[in-house]
C-alpha atoms as a PDB file:
ATOM      1  CA  UNK A   1      18.917  31.433  19.542  1.00  0.00           C
ATOM      2  CA  UNK A   2      19.057  34.266  22.357  1.00  0.00           C
ATOM      3  CA  UNK A   3      17.414  36.692  19.351  1.00  0.00           C
ATOM      4  CA  UNK A   4      14.484  34.826  18.565  1.00  0.00           C
ATOM      5  CA  UNK A   5      13.186  35.175  22.211  1.00  0.00           C
ATOM      6  CA  UNK A   6      11.838  38.006  21.790  1.00  0.00           C
ATOM      7  CA  UNK A   7      13.447  40.621  22.968  1.00  0.00           C
ATOM      8  CA  UNK A   8      15.309  42.487  20.467  1.00  0.00           C
ATOM      9  CA  UNK A   9      13.952  45.050  17.964  1.00  0.00           C
ATOM     10  CA  UNK A  10      13.369  42.287  14.964  1.00  0.00           C
ATOM     11  CA  UNK A  11       9.785  41.024  16.137  1.00  0.00           C
ATOM     12  CA  UNK A  12       8.764  41.440  12.816  1.00  0.00           C
ATOM     13  CA  UNK A  13      10.975  38.183  12.034  1.00  0.00           C
ATOM     14  CA  UNK A  14       9.143  34.951  11.868  1.00  0.00           C
ATOM     15  CA  UNK A  15      11.916  32.047  11.922  1.00  0.00           C
ATOM     16  CA  UNK A  16      10.493  29.173   9.724  1.00  0.00           C
ATOM     17  CA  UNK A  17      12.134  25.535   9.972  1.00  0.00           C
ATOM     18  CA  UNK A  18      11.179  21.598   8.866  1.00  0.00           C
ATOM     19  CA  UNK A  19      11.949  18.615  10.533  1.00  0.00           C
ATOM     20  CA  UNK A  20      10.505  14.788  10.131  1.00  0.00           C
ATOM     21  CA  UNK A  21      11.600  14.012  13.065  1.00  0.00           C
ATOM     22  CA  UNK A  22       9.842  16.088  16.180  1.00  0.00           C
ATOM     23  CA  UNK A  23      10.634  14.075  18.773  1.00  0.00           C
ATOM     24  CA  UNK A  24      14.328  14.422  18.666  1.00  0.00           C
ATOM     25  CA  UNK A  25      14.474  18.221  18.814  1.00  0.00           C
ATOM     26  CA  UNK A  26      16.185  19.168  21.747  1.00  0.00           C
ATOM     27  CA  UNK A  27      13.715  21.015  24.288  1.00  0.00           C
ATOM     28  CA  UNK A  28      15.594  24.394  24.002  1.00  0.00           C
ATOM     29  CA  UNK A  29      14.522  24.531  20.694  1.00  0.00           C
ATOM     30  CA  UNK A  30      10.868  24.118  21.712  1.00  0.00           C
ATOM     31  CA  UNK A  31      10.652  26.962  24.868  1.00  0.00           C
ATOM     32  CA  UNK A  32       8.272  29.954  24.562  1.00  0.00           C
ATOM     33  CA  UNK A  33       9.699  32.560  21.738  1.00  0.00           C
ATOM     34  CA  UNK A  34      11.609  30.131  19.996  1.00  0.00           C
ATOM     35  CA  UNK A  35       9.661  27.611  18.286  1.00  0.00           C
ATOM     36  CA  UNK A  36       6.975  26.832  19.877  1.00  0.00           C
ATOM     37  CA  UNK A  37       4.263  26.171  17.505  1.00  0.00           C
ATOM     38  CA  UNK A  38       3.910  23.219  14.983  1.00  0.00           C
ATOM     39  CA  UNK A  39       2.272  22.190  12.775  1.00  0.00           C
ATOM     40  CA  UNK A  40       2.102  18.645  11.031  1.00  0.00           C
ATOM     41  CA  UNK A  41       1.783  19.028   7.422  1.00  0.00           C
ATOM     42  CA  UNK A  42       0.375  15.849   6.149  1.00  0.00           C
ATOM     43  CA  UNK A  43      -0.501  13.774   2.046  1.00  0.00           C
ATOM     44  CA  UNK A  44      -2.846  16.304   0.402  1.00  0.00           C
ATOM     45  CA  UNK A  45      -6.728  14.952   1.002  1.00  0.00           C
ATOM     46  CA  UNK A  46      -8.755  14.754  -1.998  1.00  0.00           C
ATOM     47  CA  UNK A  47      -9.137  18.178  -2.852  1.00  0.00           C
ATOM     48  CA  UNK A  48      -5.234  19.258  -2.220  1.00  0.00           C
ATOM     49  CA  UNK A  49      -4.664  17.053  -4.841  1.00  0.00           C
ATOM     50  CA  UNK A  50      -6.554  18.031  -7.415  1.00  0.00           C
ATOM     51  CA  UNK A  51      -5.085  21.673  -6.415  1.00  0.00           C
ATOM     52  CA  UNK A  52      -1.813  20.220  -6.865  1.00  0.00           C
ATOM     53  CA  UNK A  53      -2.421  18.205  -9.971  1.00  0.00           C
ATOM     54  CA  UNK A  54      -4.238  21.404 -10.987  1.00  0.00           C
ATOM     55  CA  UNK A  55      -1.034  23.381 -11.123  1.00  0.00           C
ATOM     56  CA  UNK A  56       0.864  20.813 -12.706  1.00  0.00           C
ATOM     57  CA  UNK A  57      -1.582  20.184 -15.504  1.00  0.00           C
ATOM     58  CA  UNK A  58      -1.351  23.504 -16.395  1.00  0.00           C
ATOM     59  CA  UNK A  59       0.941  23.707 -19.158  1.00  0.00           C
ATOM     60  CA  UNK A  60       0.550  19.571 -20.815  1.00  0.00           C
ATOM     61  CA  UNK A  61      -2.684  19.311 -22.920  1.00  0.00           C
ATOM     62  CA  UNK A  62      -4.599  16.790 -22.000  1.00  0.00           C
ATOM     63  CA  UNK A  63      -7.550  14.323 -23.486  1.00  0.00           C
ATOM     64  CA  UNK A  64     -10.802  15.271 -23.297  1.00  0.00           C
ATOM     65  CA  UNK A  65     -11.419  11.908 -21.710  1.00  0.00           C
ATOM     66  CA  UNK A  66      -8.907  12.345 -19.109  1.00  0.00           C
ATOM     67  CA  UNK A  67     -10.480  13.533 -15.644  1.00  0.00           C
ATOM     68  CA  UNK A  68      -8.519  15.396 -12.907  1.00  0.00           C
ATOM     69  CA  UNK A  69     -10.725  14.707 -10.162  1.00  0.00           C
ATOM     70  CA  UNK A  70     -10.616  10.836 -11.516  1.00  0.00           C
ATOM     71  CA  UNK A  71      -6.454  11.336 -11.180  1.00  0.00           C
ATOM     72  CA  UNK A  72      -7.462  12.984  -7.658  1.00  0.00           C
ATOM     73  CA  UNK A  73      -9.310   9.588  -6.097  1.00  0.00           C
ATOM     74  CA  UNK A  74      -6.914   7.155  -7.578  1.00  0.00           C
ATOM     75  CA  UNK A  75      -3.967   8.262  -5.830  1.00  0.00           C
ATOM     76  CA  UNK A  76      -4.765   8.699  -1.844  1.00  0.00           C
ATOM     77  CA  UNK A  77      -1.082   8.102   0.054  1.00  0.00           C
ATOM     78  CA  UNK A  78       0.680  11.139  -3.342  1.00  0.00           C
ATOM     79  CA  UNK A  79       2.474  13.435  -2.351  1.00  0.00           C
ATOM     80  CA  UNK A  80       2.771  16.821  -4.005  1.00  0.00           C
ATOM     81  CA  UNK A  81       6.235  15.368  -5.616  1.00  0.00           C
ATOM     82  CA  UNK A  82       4.664  12.385  -6.240  1.00  0.00           C
ATOM     83  CA  UNK A  83       2.217  14.101  -8.643  1.00  0.00           C
ATOM     84  CA  UNK A  84       4.428  16.246  -9.656  1.00  0.00           C
ATOM     85  CA  UNK A  85       6.262  13.510 -11.207  1.00  0.00           C
ATOM     86  CA  UNK A  86       3.274  10.883 -12.500  1.00  0.00           C
ATOM     87  CA  UNK A  87       2.073  13.608 -14.668  1.00  0.00           C
ATOM     88  CA  UNK A  88       5.414  14.265 -16.131  1.00  0.00           C
ATOM     89  CA  UNK A  89       5.781  10.563 -16.707  1.00  0.00           C
ATOM     90  CA  UNK A  90       2.586  10.941 -18.570  1.00  0.00           C
ATOM     91  CA  UNK A  91       3.745  13.584 -20.620  1.00  0.00           C
ATOM     92  CA  UNK A  92       6.875  11.704 -21.015  1.00  0.00           C
ATOM     93  CA  UNK A  93       3.996   8.418 -21.824  1.00  0.00           C
ATOM     94  CA  UNK A  94       2.549  10.423 -25.091  1.00  0.00           C
ATOM     95  CA  UNK A  95       5.585  12.010 -26.723  1.00  0.00           C
ATOM     96  CA  UNK A  96       7.508   8.574 -26.602  1.00  0.00           C
ATOM     97  CA  UNK A  97       3.404   7.203 -28.231  1.00  0.00           C
ATOM     98  CA  UNK A  98       3.936  10.311 -30.832  1.00  0.00           C
ATOM     99  CA  UNK A  99      -0.430  10.864 -29.192  1.00  0.00           C
ATOM    100  CA  UNK A 100      -0.992  14.634 -28.968  1.00  0.00           C
ATOM    101  CA  UNK A 101      -2.765  14.750 -25.783  1.00  0.00           C
ATOM    102  CA  UNK A 102      -2.199  12.456 -22.207  1.00  0.00           C
ATOM    103  CA  UNK A 103      -4.614  10.040 -22.527  1.00  0.00           C
ATOM    104  CA  UNK A 104      -5.504   7.569 -19.884  1.00  0.00           C
ATOM    105  CA  UNK A 105      -4.004   4.541 -21.008  1.00  0.00           C
ATOM    106  CA  UNK A 106      -0.787   7.064 -20.066  1.00  0.00           C
ATOM    107  CA  UNK A 107      -1.700   8.533 -16.771  1.00  0.00           C
ATOM    108  CA  UNK A 108      -2.156   4.708 -15.491  1.00  0.00           C
ATOM    109  CA  UNK A 109       1.256   4.008 -17.237  1.00  0.00           C
ATOM    110  CA  UNK A 110       2.017   6.423 -14.817  1.00  0.00           C
ATOM    111  CA  UNK A 111       0.275   5.934 -11.846  1.00  0.00           C
ATOM    112  CA  UNK A 112       2.082   2.398 -11.826  1.00  0.00           C
ATOM    113  CA  UNK A 113       5.216   4.143 -13.078  1.00  0.00           C
ATOM    114  CA  UNK A 114       5.327   5.752  -9.968  1.00  0.00           C
ATOM    115  CA  UNK A 115       4.095   3.230  -7.433  1.00  0.00           C
ATOM    116  CA  UNK A 116       6.217   0.070  -8.294  1.00  0.00           C
ATOM    117  CA  UNK A 117       8.482   1.089 -11.181  1.00  0.00           C
ATOM    118  CA  UNK A 118       9.312   1.217 -15.060  1.00  0.00           C
ATOM    119  CA  UNK A 119       8.347  -1.481 -16.620  1.00  0.00           C
ATOM    120  CA  UNK A 120      10.133  -4.591 -18.120  1.00  0.00           C
ATOM    121  CA  UNK A 121       9.926  -6.551 -20.884  1.00  0.00           C
ATOM    122  CA  UNK A 122       7.186  -9.606 -20.464  1.00  0.00           C
ATOM    123  CA  UNK A 123       9.060 -12.794 -19.611  1.00  0.00           C
ATOM    124  CA  UNK A 124       8.370 -15.718 -22.610  1.00  0.00           C
ATOM    125  CA  UNK A 125       6.005 -18.283 -21.973  1.00  0.00           C
ATOM    126  CA  UNK A 126       7.769 -20.604 -19.037  1.00  0.00           C
ATOM    127  CA  UNK A 127       7.055 -21.757 -15.544  1.00  0.00           C
ATOM    128  CA  UNK A 128       8.501 -18.921 -13.577  1.00  0.00           C
ATOM    129  CA  UNK A 129       4.787 -16.907 -15.321  1.00  0.00           C
ATOM    130  CA  UNK A 130       3.333 -19.770 -14.202  1.00  0.00           C
ATOM    131  CA  UNK A 131       4.801 -19.497 -11.186  1.00  0.00           C
ATOM    132  CA  UNK A 132       4.458 -15.687 -11.108  1.00  0.00           C
ATOM    133  CA  UNK A 133       0.733 -16.213 -12.680  1.00  0.00           C
ATOM    134  CA  UNK A 134      -0.713 -18.114  -9.321  1.00  0.00           C
ATOM    135  CA  UNK A 135       0.476 -15.918  -6.952  1.00  0.00           C
ATOM    136  CA  UNK A 136      -0.503 -12.903  -7.905  1.00  0.00           C
ATOM    137  CA  UNK A 137      -3.841 -14.142  -8.713  1.00  0.00           C
ATOM    138  CA  UNK A 138      -3.731 -15.578  -5.362  1.00  0.00           C
ATOM    139  CA  UNK A 139      -3.814 -12.172  -4.748  1.00  0.00           C
ATOM    140  CA  UNK A 140      -6.113 -11.051  -6.290  1.00  0.00           C
ATOM    141  CA  UNK A 141      -8.754 -13.244  -5.658  1.00  0.00           C
ATOM    142  CA  UNK A 142      -8.547 -12.687  -2.189  1.00  0.00           C
ATOM    143  CA  UNK A 143      -8.713  -9.083  -2.691  1.00  0.00           C
ATOM    144  CA  UNK A 144     -11.802  -9.748  -4.310  1.00  0.00           C
ATOM    145  CA  UNK A 145     -13.464 -12.795  -2.306  1.00  0.00           C
ATOM    146  CA  UNK A 146     -13.337 -11.409   1.544  1.00  0.00           C
ATOM    147  CA  UNK A 147     -16.141  -9.275   2.378  1.00  0.00           C
ATOM    148  CA  UNK A 148     -13.624  -6.095   4.071  1.00  0.00           C
ATOM    149  CA  UNK A 149     -11.125  -6.192   1.907  1.00  0.00           C
ATOM    150  CA  UNK A 150     -10.359  -3.253  -0.519  1.00  0.00           C
ATOM    151  CA  UNK A 151     -11.396  -4.103  -4.262  1.00  0.00           C
ATOM    152  CA  UNK A 152      -8.567  -5.094  -6.609  1.00  0.00           C
ATOM    153  CA  UNK A 153      -7.878  -2.174  -8.894  1.00  0.00           C
ATOM    154  CA  UNK A 154      -5.899  -4.596 -11.574  1.00  0.00           C
ATOM    155  CA  UNK A 155      -3.406  -7.115 -11.109  1.00  0.00           C
ATOM    156  CA  UNK A 156      -0.376  -7.830 -14.087  1.00  0.00           C
ATOM    157  CA  UNK A 157       2.504 -10.771 -14.265  1.00  0.00           C
ATOM    158  CA  UNK A 158       4.617  -7.955 -16.024  1.00  0.00           C
ATOM    159  CA  UNK A 159       7.742  -7.541 -14.703  1.00  0.00           C
ATOM    160  CA  UNK A 160       8.366  -4.290 -12.823  1.00  0.00           C
ATOM    161  CA  UNK A 161      12.385  -2.834 -11.684  1.00  0.00           C
ATOM    162  CA  UNK A 162      13.949  -3.853  -8.577  1.00  0.00           C
ATOM    163  CA  UNK A 163      12.959  -7.402  -9.056  1.00  0.00           C
ATOM    164  CA  UNK A 164       9.704  -7.242  -9.309  1.00  0.00           C
ATOM    165  CA  UNK A 165       7.747  -9.859 -11.549  1.00  0.00           C
ATOM    166  CA  UNK A 166       4.369  -8.339 -10.808  1.00  0.00           C
ATOM    167  CA  UNK A 167       1.590  -7.242  -8.658  1.00  0.00           C
ATOM    168  CA  UNK A 168      -2.290  -7.231  -8.034  1.00  0.00           C
ATOM    169  CA  UNK A 169      -3.311  -3.791  -6.922  1.00  0.00           C
ATOM    170  CA  UNK A 170      -5.857  -2.049  -4.758  1.00  0.00           C
ATOM    171  CA  UNK A 171      -8.140   1.013  -4.851  1.00  0.00           C
ATOM    172  CA  UNK A 172      -7.771   1.351  -0.348  1.00  0.00           C
ATOM    173  CA  UNK A 173     -10.912   3.583   0.917  1.00  0.00           C
ATOM    174  CA  UNK A 174      -9.839   6.524   1.327  1.00  0.00           C
ATOM    175  CA  UNK A 175     -10.975   8.338   4.284  1.00  0.00           C
ATOM    176  CA  UNK A 176     -10.125   4.998   6.032  1.00  0.00           C
ATOM    177  CA  UNK A 177      -6.547   5.220   4.691  1.00  0.00           C
ATOM    178  CA  UNK A 178      -6.240   9.259   5.864  1.00  0.00           C
ATOM    179  CA  UNK A 179      -8.519   8.723   9.219  1.00  0.00           C
ATOM    180  CA  UNK A 180      -5.782   5.773   9.865  1.00  0.00           C
ATOM    181  CA  UNK A 181      -9.449   4.318  11.773  1.00  0.00           C
ATOM    182  CA  UNK A 182      -8.421   0.948  10.837  1.00  0.00           C
ATOM    183  CA  UNK A 183     -10.553  -1.943  11.833  1.00  0.00           C
ATOM    184  CA  UNK A 184      -9.592  -5.510  13.119  1.00  0.00           C
ATOM    185  CA  UNK A 185     -11.312  -7.537  10.175  1.00  0.00           C
ATOM    186  CA  UNK A 186      -9.311  -5.429   8.202  1.00  0.00           C
ATOM    187  CA  UNK A 187      -6.471  -5.858   9.070  1.00  0.00           C
ATOM    188  CA  UNK A 188      -6.862  -9.749   9.119  1.00  0.00           C
ATOM    189  CA  UNK A 189      -8.245  -9.415   5.515  1.00  0.00           C
ATOM    190  CA  UNK A 190      -5.021  -7.465   4.571  1.00  0.00           C
ATOM    191  CA  UNK A 191      -3.005  -9.801   6.221  1.00  0.00           C
ATOM    192  CA  UNK A 192      -4.316 -12.530   4.666  1.00  0.00           C
ATOM    193  CA  UNK A 193      -3.824 -11.051   1.773  1.00  0.00           C
ATOM    194  CA  UNK A 194      -0.983 -11.036   1.804  1.00  0.00           C
ATOM    195  CA  UNK A 195      -0.376 -14.368   2.421  1.00  0.00           C
ATOM    196  CA  UNK A 196      -2.572 -14.961  -0.604  1.00  0.00           C
ATOM    197  CA  UNK A 197       0.628 -15.235  -3.705  1.00  0.00           C
ATOM    198  CA  UNK A 198       2.617 -18.299  -1.030  1.00  0.00           C
ATOM    199  CA  UNK A 199      -0.385 -19.823  -0.532  1.00  0.00           C
ATOM    200  CA  UNK A 200      -1.165 -20.394  -3.751  1.00  0.00           C
ATOM    201  CA  UNK A 201       2.356 -21.251  -4.362  1.00  0.00           C
ATOM    202  CA  UNK A 202       2.190 -23.849  -2.045  1.00  0.00           C
ATOM    203  CA  UNK A 203      -1.835 -25.126  -3.084  1.00  0.00           C
ATOM    204  CA  UNK A 204      -0.312 -25.779  -6.927  1.00  0.00           C
ATOM    205  CA  UNK A 205       3.418 -26.624  -6.572  1.00  0.00           C
ATOM    206  CA  UNK A 206       3.132 -27.653  -3.124  1.00  0.00           C
ATOM    207  CA  UNK A 207       5.843 -27.333  -0.432  1.00  0.00           C
ATOM    208  CA  UNK A 208       9.343 -28.303  -2.511  1.00  0.00           C
ATOM    209  CA  UNK A 209       8.414 -25.124  -5.003  1.00  0.00           C
ATOM    210  CA  UNK A 210       7.570 -22.311  -2.113  1.00  0.00           C
ATOM    211  CA  UNK A 211       9.892 -19.120  -3.633  1.00  0.00           C
ATOM    212  CA  UNK A 212      11.660 -16.307  -1.960  1.00  0.00           C
ATOM    213  CA  UNK A 213       8.954 -13.726  -4.294  1.00  0.00           C
ATOM    214  CA  UNK A 214       6.454 -13.419  -1.365  1.00  0.00           C
ATOM    215  CA  UNK A 215       9.613 -12.101   1.247  1.00  0.00           C
ATOM    216  CA  UNK A 216       8.345  -8.950   1.199  1.00  0.00           C
ATOM    217  CA  UNK A 217       4.756  -9.869   1.468  1.00  0.00           C
ATOM    218  CA  UNK A 218       5.201 -11.997   4.138  1.00  0.00           C
ATOM    219  CA  UNK A 219       7.390  -8.622   6.635  1.00  0.00           C
ATOM    220  CA  UNK A 220       4.334  -6.637   5.993  1.00  0.00           C
ATOM    221  CA  UNK A 221       2.388  -9.897   7.656  1.00  0.00           C
ATOM    222  CA  UNK A 222       5.168  -9.767  10.684  1.00  0.00           C
ATOM    223  CA  UNK A 223       4.817  -5.941  10.996  1.00  0.00           C
ATOM    224  CA  UNK A 224       1.097  -6.169  11.039  1.00  0.00           C
ATOM    225  CA  UNK A 225       0.790  -8.829  13.580  1.00  0.00           C
ATOM    226  CA  UNK A 226       2.952  -7.631  16.096  1.00  0.00           C
ATOM    227  CA  UNK A 227       1.155  -3.719  15.658  1.00  0.00           C
ATOM    228  CA  UNK A 228      -2.479  -5.373  16.239  1.00  0.00           C
ATOM    229  CA  UNK A 229      -0.763  -7.156  20.020  1.00  0.00           C
ATOM    230  CA  UNK A 230       1.838  -4.792  20.455  1.00  0.00           C
ATOM    231  CA  UNK A 231       0.056  -1.371  19.995  1.00  0.00           C
ATOM    232  CA  UNK A 232      -3.488  -1.540  18.695  1.00  0.00           C
ATOM    233  CA  UNK A 233      -4.556  -4.681  21.500  1.00  0.00           C
ATOM    234  CA  UNK A 234      -6.000  -6.631  19.575  1.00  0.00           C
ATOM    235  CA  UNK A 235      -5.055  -9.640  21.033  1.00  0.00           C
ATOM    236  CA  UNK A 236      -5.876 -12.526  23.783  1.00  0.00           C
ATOM    237  CA  UNK A 237      -2.814 -10.853  25.291  1.00  0.00           C
ATOM    238  CA  UNK A 238      -5.759  -8.092  25.845  1.00  0.00           C
ATOM    239  CA  UNK A 239      -6.247  -4.066  25.193  1.00  0.00           C
ATOM    240  CA  UNK A 240      -3.960  -2.392  26.144  1.00  0.00           C
ATOM    241  CA  UNK A 241       0.272  -1.112  23.896  1.00  0.00           C
ATOM    242  CA  UNK A 242       2.983  -3.317  24.994  1.00  0.00           C
ATOM    243  CA  UNK A 243       5.503  -0.423  22.631  1.00  0.00           C
ATOM    244  CA  UNK A 244       5.908   2.977  21.529  1.00  0.00           C
ATOM    245  CA  UNK A 245       4.867   4.220  18.131  1.00  0.00           C
ATOM    246  CA  UNK A 246       8.554   4.301  17.128  1.00  0.00           C
ATOM    247  CA  UNK A 247      11.112   2.243  18.099  1.00  0.00           C
ATOM    248  CA  UNK A 248      14.387   3.860  15.933  1.00  0.00           C
ATOM    249  CA  UNK A 249      17.159   4.778  17.166  1.00  0.00           C
ATOM    250  CA  UNK A 250      18.924   7.506  16.294  1.00  0.00           C
ATOM    251  CA  UNK A 251      22.044  10.316  16.396  1.00  0.00           C
ATOM    252  CA  UNK A 252      21.284  11.492  20.424  1.00  0.00           C
ATOM    253  CA  UNK A 253      18.989   9.229  21.859  1.00  0.00           C
ATOM    254  CA  UNK A 254      19.665   5.139  23.227  1.00  0.00           C
ATOM    255  CA  UNK A 255      21.845   3.353  20.702  1.00  0.00           C
ATOM    256  CA  UNK A 256      20.953   0.236  22.624  1.00  0.00           C
ATOM    257  CA  UNK A 257      16.124   0.355  22.173  1.00  0.00           C
ATOM    258  CA  UNK A 258      14.935  -0.830  25.219  1.00  0.00           C
ATOM    259  CA  UNK A 259      12.285  -3.479  25.734  1.00  0.00           C
ATOM    260  CA  UNK A 260       9.311  -2.224  27.260  1.00  0.00           C
ATOM    261  CA  UNK A 261       7.813  -5.542  28.906  1.00  0.00           C
ATOM    262  CA  UNK A 262       9.650  -8.496  30.088  1.00  0.00           C
ATOM    263  CA  UNK A 263      10.943 -11.704  28.192  1.00  0.00           C
ATOM    264  CA  UNK A 264       8.274 -13.468  29.790  1.00  0.00           C
ATOM    265  CA  UNK A 265       5.742 -11.211  28.035  1.00  0.00           C
ATOM    266  CA  UNK A 266       7.448 -11.141  25.212  1.00  0.00           C
ATOM    267  CA  UNK A 267       7.169 -14.495  24.305  1.00  0.00           C
ATOM    268  CA  UNK A 268       3.345 -14.529  24.486  1.00  0.00           C
ATOM    269  CA  UNK A 269       4.008 -11.681  22.124  1.00  0.00           C
ATOM    270  CA  UNK A 270       5.913 -13.547  19.407  1.00  0.00           C
ATOM    271  CA  UNK A 271       3.203 -17.199  20.137  1.00  0.00           C
ATOM    272  CA  UNK A 272       0.014 -14.319  19.288  1.00  0.00           C
ATOM    273  CA  UNK A 273       1.963 -12.878  16.509  1.00  0.00           C
ATOM    274  CA  UNK A 274       2.445 -15.948  15.238  1.00  0.00           C
ATOM    275  CA  UNK A 275      -1.159 -17.564  16.088  1.00  0.00           C
ATOM    276  CA  UNK A 276      -2.555 -14.575  13.773  1.00  0.00           C
ATOM    277  CA  UNK A 277      -0.028 -15.568  10.097  1.00  0.00           C
ATOM    278  CA  UNK A 278      -0.785 -19.013  11.086  1.00  0.00           C
ATOM    279  CA  UNK A 279      -4.180 -18.114  11.441  1.00  0.00           C
ATOM    280  CA  UNK A 280      -4.986 -15.943   8.166  1.00  0.00           C
ATOM    281  CA  UNK A 281      -2.574 -18.167   6.472  1.00  0.00           C
ATOM    282  CA  UNK A 282      -4.287 -21.401   6.473  1.00  0.00           C
ATOM    283  CA  UNK A 283      -7.786 -18.788   6.390  1.00  0.00           C
ATOM    284  CA  UNK A 284      -6.068 -18.097   2.162  1.00  0.00           C
ATOM    285  CA  UNK A 285      -5.040 -21.989   1.629  1.00  0.00           C
ATOM    286  CA  UNK A 286      -8.729 -22.820   2.707  1.00  0.00           C
ATOM    287  CA  UNK A 287      -9.888 -20.221  -0.061  1.00  0.00           C
ATOM    288  CA  UNK A 288      -8.124 -20.339  -2.066  1.00  0.00           C
ATOM    289  CA  UNK A 289      -8.000 -24.571  -2.050  1.00  0.00           C
ATOM    290  CA  UNK A 290     -11.879 -24.255  -2.281  1.00  0.00           C
ATOM    291  CA  UNK A 291     -11.830 -22.251  -5.398  1.00  0.00           C
ATOM    292  CA  UNK A 292      -9.224 -23.820  -7.769  1.00  0.00           C
ATOM    293  CA  UNK A 293     -10.972 -24.443 -10.701  1.00  0.00           C
ATOM    294  CA  UNK A 294     -11.708 -20.178 -10.876  1.00  0.00           C
ATOM    295  CA  UNK A 295      -7.989 -19.507  -9.788  1.00  0.00           C
ATOM    296  CA  UNK A 296      -6.414 -22.237 -12.869  1.00  0.00           C
ATOM    297  CA  UNK A 297      -9.086 -19.827 -15.441  1.00  0.00           C
ATOM    298  CA  UNK A 298      -7.216 -17.084 -14.085  1.00  0.00           C
ATOM    299  CA  UNK A 299      -4.285 -17.651 -14.523  1.00  0.00           C
ATOM    300  CA  UNK A 300      -5.122 -19.221 -18.136  1.00  0.00           C
ATOM    301  CA  UNK A 301      -6.554 -15.731 -18.942  1.00  0.00           C
ATOM    302  CA  UNK A 302      -3.477 -13.320 -16.739  1.00  0.00           C
ATOM    303  CA  UNK A 303      -1.057 -15.381 -19.325  1.00  0.00           C
ATOM    304  CA  UNK A 304      -2.658 -14.697 -22.029  1.00  0.00           C
ATOM    305  CA  UNK A 305      -3.999 -11.036 -20.997  1.00  0.00           C
ATOM    306  CA  UNK A 306      -0.614 -10.741 -18.919  1.00  0.00           C
ATOM    307  CA  UNK A 307      -2.854  -7.385 -17.514  1.00  0.00           C
ATOM    308  CA  UNK A 308      -6.068  -7.713 -15.931  1.00  0.00           C
ATOM    309  CA  UNK A 309      -8.539  -4.568 -14.298  1.00  0.00           C
ATOM    310  CA  UNK A 310     -10.264  -5.219 -11.668  1.00  0.00           C
ATOM    311  CA  UNK A 311     -14.011  -4.775 -13.945  1.00  0.00           C
ATOM    312  CA  UNK A 312     -12.981  -7.304 -15.392  1.00  0.00           C
ATOM    313  CA  UNK A 313     -11.565  -9.950 -12.973  1.00  0.00           C
ATOM    314  CA  UNK A 314     -14.726  -9.331 -10.325  1.00  0.00           C
ATOM    315  CA  UNK A 315     -16.853 -10.061 -13.719  1.00  0.00           C
ATOM    316  CA  UNK A 316     -14.726 -13.899 -14.162  1.00  0.00           C
ATOM    317  CA  UNK A 317     -15.576 -13.923 -10.632  1.00  0.00           C
ATOM    318  CA  UNK A 318     -18.804 -13.762 -10.211  1.00  0.00           C
ATOM    319  CA  UNK A 319     -19.255 -16.128 -13.134  1.00  0.00           C
ATOM    320  CA  UNK A 320     -17.582 -18.972  -9.983  1.00  0.00           C
ATOM    321  CA  UNK A 321     -19.161 -17.830  -7.170  1.00  0.00           C
ATOM    322  CA  UNK A 322     -21.708 -14.582  -5.295  1.00  0.00           C
ATOM    323  CA  UNK A 323     -18.841 -12.118  -5.243  1.00  0.00           C
ATOM    324  CA  UNK A 324     -19.282 -10.106  -1.160  1.00  0.00           C
ATOM    325  CA  UNK A 325     -22.057  -7.589  -1.060  1.00  0.00           C
ATOM    326  CA  UNK A 326     -19.867  -4.848   0.506  1.00  0.00           C
ATOM    327  CA  UNK A 327     -17.651  -5.591  -2.093  1.00  0.00           C
ATOM    328  CA  UNK A 328     -19.930  -4.621  -5.465  1.00  0.00           C
ATOM    329  CA  UNK A 329     -20.585  -0.793  -3.062  1.00  0.00           C
ATOM    330  CA  UNK A 330     -16.939  -0.071  -2.589  1.00  0.00           C
ATOM    331  CA  UNK A 331     -16.253  -0.687  -6.548  1.00  0.00           C
ATOM    332  CA  UNK A 332     -19.313   0.963  -8.040  1.00  0.00           C
ATOM    333  CA  UNK A 333     -17.855   3.910  -5.816  1.00  0.00           C
ATOM    334  CA  UNK A 334     -14.229   4.098  -6.617  1.00  0.00           C
END
């Protein structure tokens, strides 16, 4: 550290370090003349992803229908390592299928493998498969009907490694993801969508048949609802923050996390979080109940095809109900 202050004759040497926890760095490291300049390296934007894909696609043969621009638009939130891994997975799948070039099918399967895991053997026609179909159809239908939701990309009931029985995948708005400017209506619809699987289970099979398959969804709901109350000021408690961004315990810091508000306020926070989750769950149940015939039709198609892409799904829904105008616009520009 003493030789980093610039008093020696080694001014031509630049020392670079990297960390993903700048908040826990000792102040002695950050004094002028030491690590006094911080450069935040975020996940790549569209142009960055396109450049990374061009580098890793140089030694791979792509089919004429494969567009790197399209892949870059489909992968917001991917890191450079994930993009490289995705192309490598696509190349492996191409070799296994004895094809001469990587096609769109291999790219789609590779993206799914990177994000959700390896494909497992499809379930036999059984009660479990039908229950999973209703669960995922509940998510997908809410993604399509809610006005402020991002459009559905695909829904599938083919299981994946890691205990995933199926998934409903959205095409997120890249500008909003990069900027982090989430609206209150978008967050509420996001919570409603997350509760759609459990709501479908309850509406179709009853309280006694609700499964633990919605455990991850419920965790997402709890985190989003609490952040709306304690960080974003989007509740009846008022427009002020009650918690800081990072509450994790880390080496060199307090072993016990400190509450930043009183027990009385904590109780009110819990009530607000519960109120948001309860209202969104009631809304999810109402929408699925009102469109039960459509829900049953979607499940029948899922059991037959096992995977439905977003465009086919929206055509089916449009036969029963008028789609939100914003949803159609977003789906067209994606």
